[in-house]
Protein backbone atom coordinates (compact mmCIF):
# COMPACT_ATOMS: atom_id res chain seq x y z
CA GLN A 1 -13.66 10.58 11.73
CA VAL A 2 -11.21 8.28 10.03
CA GLN A 3 -9.50 9.51 6.88
CA VAL A 4 -6.91 7.65 4.83
CA ALA A 5 -4.71 9.68 2.50
CA GLU A 6 -1.94 8.68 0.11
CA SER A 7 0.87 10.83 -1.20
CA GLY A 8 4.15 10.51 -3.06
CA GLY A 9 2.96 9.62 -6.53
CA GLY A 10 4.33 11.23 -9.64
CA LEU A 11 6.07 10.74 -12.96
CA VAL A 12 9.23 8.65 -13.11
CA GLN A 13 11.28 7.02 -15.84
CA ALA A 14 11.56 3.27 -16.15
CA GLY A 15 14.08 1.93 -13.68
CA GLY A 16 13.45 4.73 -11.23
CA SER A 17 12.04 4.70 -7.73
CA LEU A 18 9.26 6.29 -5.73
CA ARG A 19 8.11 6.04 -2.15
CA LEU A 20 4.44 6.32 -1.38
CA SER A 21 3.15 7.37 2.02
CA CYS A 22 -0.19 6.79 3.67
CA THR A 23 -1.57 8.44 6.77
CA ALA A 24 -4.63 7.26 8.65
CA SER A 25 -5.96 10.15 10.67
CA GLY A 26 -8.33 9.38 13.50
CA LEU A 27 -6.55 6.10 14.16
CA HIS A 28 -3.26 5.20 15.77
CA PHE A 29 -1.14 2.14 15.28
CA GLY A 30 -0.16 2.06 18.93
CA ASP A 31 1.40 -1.11 20.22
CA TYR A 32 -1.05 -3.22 18.25
CA PRO A 33 -1.04 -2.06 14.62
CA TYR A 34 -3.92 -3.04 12.43
CA PRO A 35 -3.65 -4.51 8.93
CA MET A 36 -3.03 -2.13 6.06
CA GLY A 37 -2.50 -2.62 2.37
CA TRP A 38 -1.62 -1.11 -0.96
CA PHE A 39 -3.70 -1.59 -4.09
CA ARG A 40 -3.47 -0.24 -7.59
CA GLN A 41 -5.76 0.14 -10.56
CA ALA A 42 -4.90 0.96 -14.14
CA PRO A 43 -7.52 2.37 -16.53
CA GLY A 44 -9.82 -0.36 -17.80
CA LYS A 45 -8.38 -2.96 -15.46
CA GLU A 46 -9.49 -4.47 -12.19
CA ARG A 47 -8.02 -3.30 -8.94
CA GLU A 48 -4.94 -5.28 -8.01
CA GLU A 49 -3.84 -6.13 -4.50
CA ILE A 50 -0.09 -5.60 -4.41
CA SER A 51 1.03 -5.60 -0.78
CA CYS A 52 -0.30 -5.96 2.77
CA ILE A 53 1.14 -5.76 6.26
CA GLY A 54 -0.40 -7.53 9.24
CA SER A 55 -1.33 -6.48 12.76
CA SER A 56 0.38 -7.66 15.94
CA ILE A 57 2.78 -9.83 13.97
CA ASP A 58 4.40 -8.01 11.07
CA ASN A 59 3.57 -10.51 8.38
CA THR A 60 3.75 -9.11 4.89
CA TYR A 61 2.33 -10.07 1.54
CA TYR A 62 3.49 -9.14 -1.94
CA ALA A 63 1.91 -9.86 -5.28
CA ASP A 64 4.16 -11.70 -7.70
CA SER A 65 4.12 -8.69 -9.98
CA VAL A 66 5.93 -6.53 -7.42
CA LYS A 67 7.82 -9.04 -5.29
CA GLY A 68 11.48 -8.18 -5.02
CA ARG A 69 10.91 -4.61 -6.19
CA PHE A 70 8.44 -3.14 -3.69
CA THR A 71 8.73 -2.99 0.09
CA ILE A 72 5.92 -2.23 2.53
CA SER A 73 6.68 -0.77 5.94
CA ARG A 74 5.17 1.39 8.67
CA ASP A 75 6.27 3.95 11.21
CA LYS A 76 4.26 3.54 14.39
CA ALA A 77 5.33 6.87 15.85
CA LYS A 78 4.21 8.77 12.75
CA ASN A 79 1.19 6.55 12.16
CA THR A 80 2.31 6.25 8.56
CA LEU A 81 2.44 3.41 6.05
CA TYR A 82 5.01 3.37 3.25
CA LEU A 83 5.52 1.61 -0.04
CA GLN A 84 9.02 1.80 -1.45
CA MET A 85 8.90 1.10 -5.18
CA ASN A 86 12.13 0.33 -7.00
CA SER A 87 12.90 -0.70 -10.58
CA LEU A 88 9.63 0.77 -11.75
CA GLN A 89 8.31 -0.31 -15.12
CA PRO A 90 5.66 1.18 -17.42
CA GLU A 91 3.38 -1.69 -16.36
CA ASP A 92 3.38 -0.21 -12.86
CA THR A 93 1.51 2.85 -14.07
CA ALA A 94 -1.73 3.08 -12.11
CA ILE A 95 -3.56 4.86 -9.35
CA TYR A 96 -2.29 3.54 -6.05
CA TYR A 97 -4.60 3.23 -3.08
CA CYS A 98 -3.95 2.74 0.60
CA ALA A 99 -6.41 0.81 2.76
CA ALA A 100 -6.78 0.23 6.49
CA ASP A 101 -8.56 -2.38 8.58
CA PRO A 102 -8.77 -1.12 12.18
CA GLU A 103 -11.12 -3.98 13.09
CA ARG A 104 -8.32 -6.41 12.32
CA GLN A 105 -10.39 -8.70 10.14
CA VAL A 106 -7.87 -8.96 7.32
CA LEU A 107 -5.50 -11.89 7.54
CA VAL A 108 -2.00 -11.31 6.23
CA TYR A 109 0.53 -14.03 5.61
CA SER A 110 3.44 -14.39 3.23
CA GLY A 111 1.22 -16.01 0.64
CA MET A 112 -2.06 -14.19 1.16
CA CYS A 113 -3.90 -11.05 2.15
CA SER A 114 -7.50 -12.07 2.75
CA GLY A 115 -10.39 -9.88 3.82
CA ASP A 116 -12.09 -6.55 3.21
CA PHE A 117 -10.47 -3.26 4.16
CA ALA A 118 -12.95 -0.81 5.65
CA TYR A 119 -11.18 2.48 4.92
CA TRP A 120 -9.65 3.66 1.67
CA GLY A 121 -7.73 6.66 0.49
CA GLN A 122 -8.47 8.72 -2.59
CA GLY A 123 -5.50 7.37 -4.51
CA THR A 124 -2.27 8.80 -5.86
CA GLN A 125 -1.20 8.60 -9.49
CA VAL A 126 2.02 6.83 -10.43
CA THR A 127 3.15 7.13 -14.03
CA VAL A 128 6.22 5.34 -15.35
CA SER A 129 7.55 6.36 -18.75
CA SER A 130 9.69 4.25 -21.07
């Protein structure tokens, strides 16, 4: 079965950095990676799409709120997705989720990440203190 799992969350002071990792067991990127994305949700707020990476062409998308601070990447050999988060702010505090779309339905371009991800991780908590 397919399982998506995030790790790397924790407590960090404002201005600090964290790198989140996401593994998708049961699936392999291979030579034709499928779309994946990072989302976050703070208590009482709607889930926010923050970054996506495309399939055969490595197009990436970043929400305005994280652009210039966060970087999405993947390691095909390790079948792992990463989110490097720099210059963290208290407003970044949320549960961060990784999602995968092995059916390659999600469209990812510089200005958009459109579609529904089929598989989701359980989330990892990121807390940024002032």
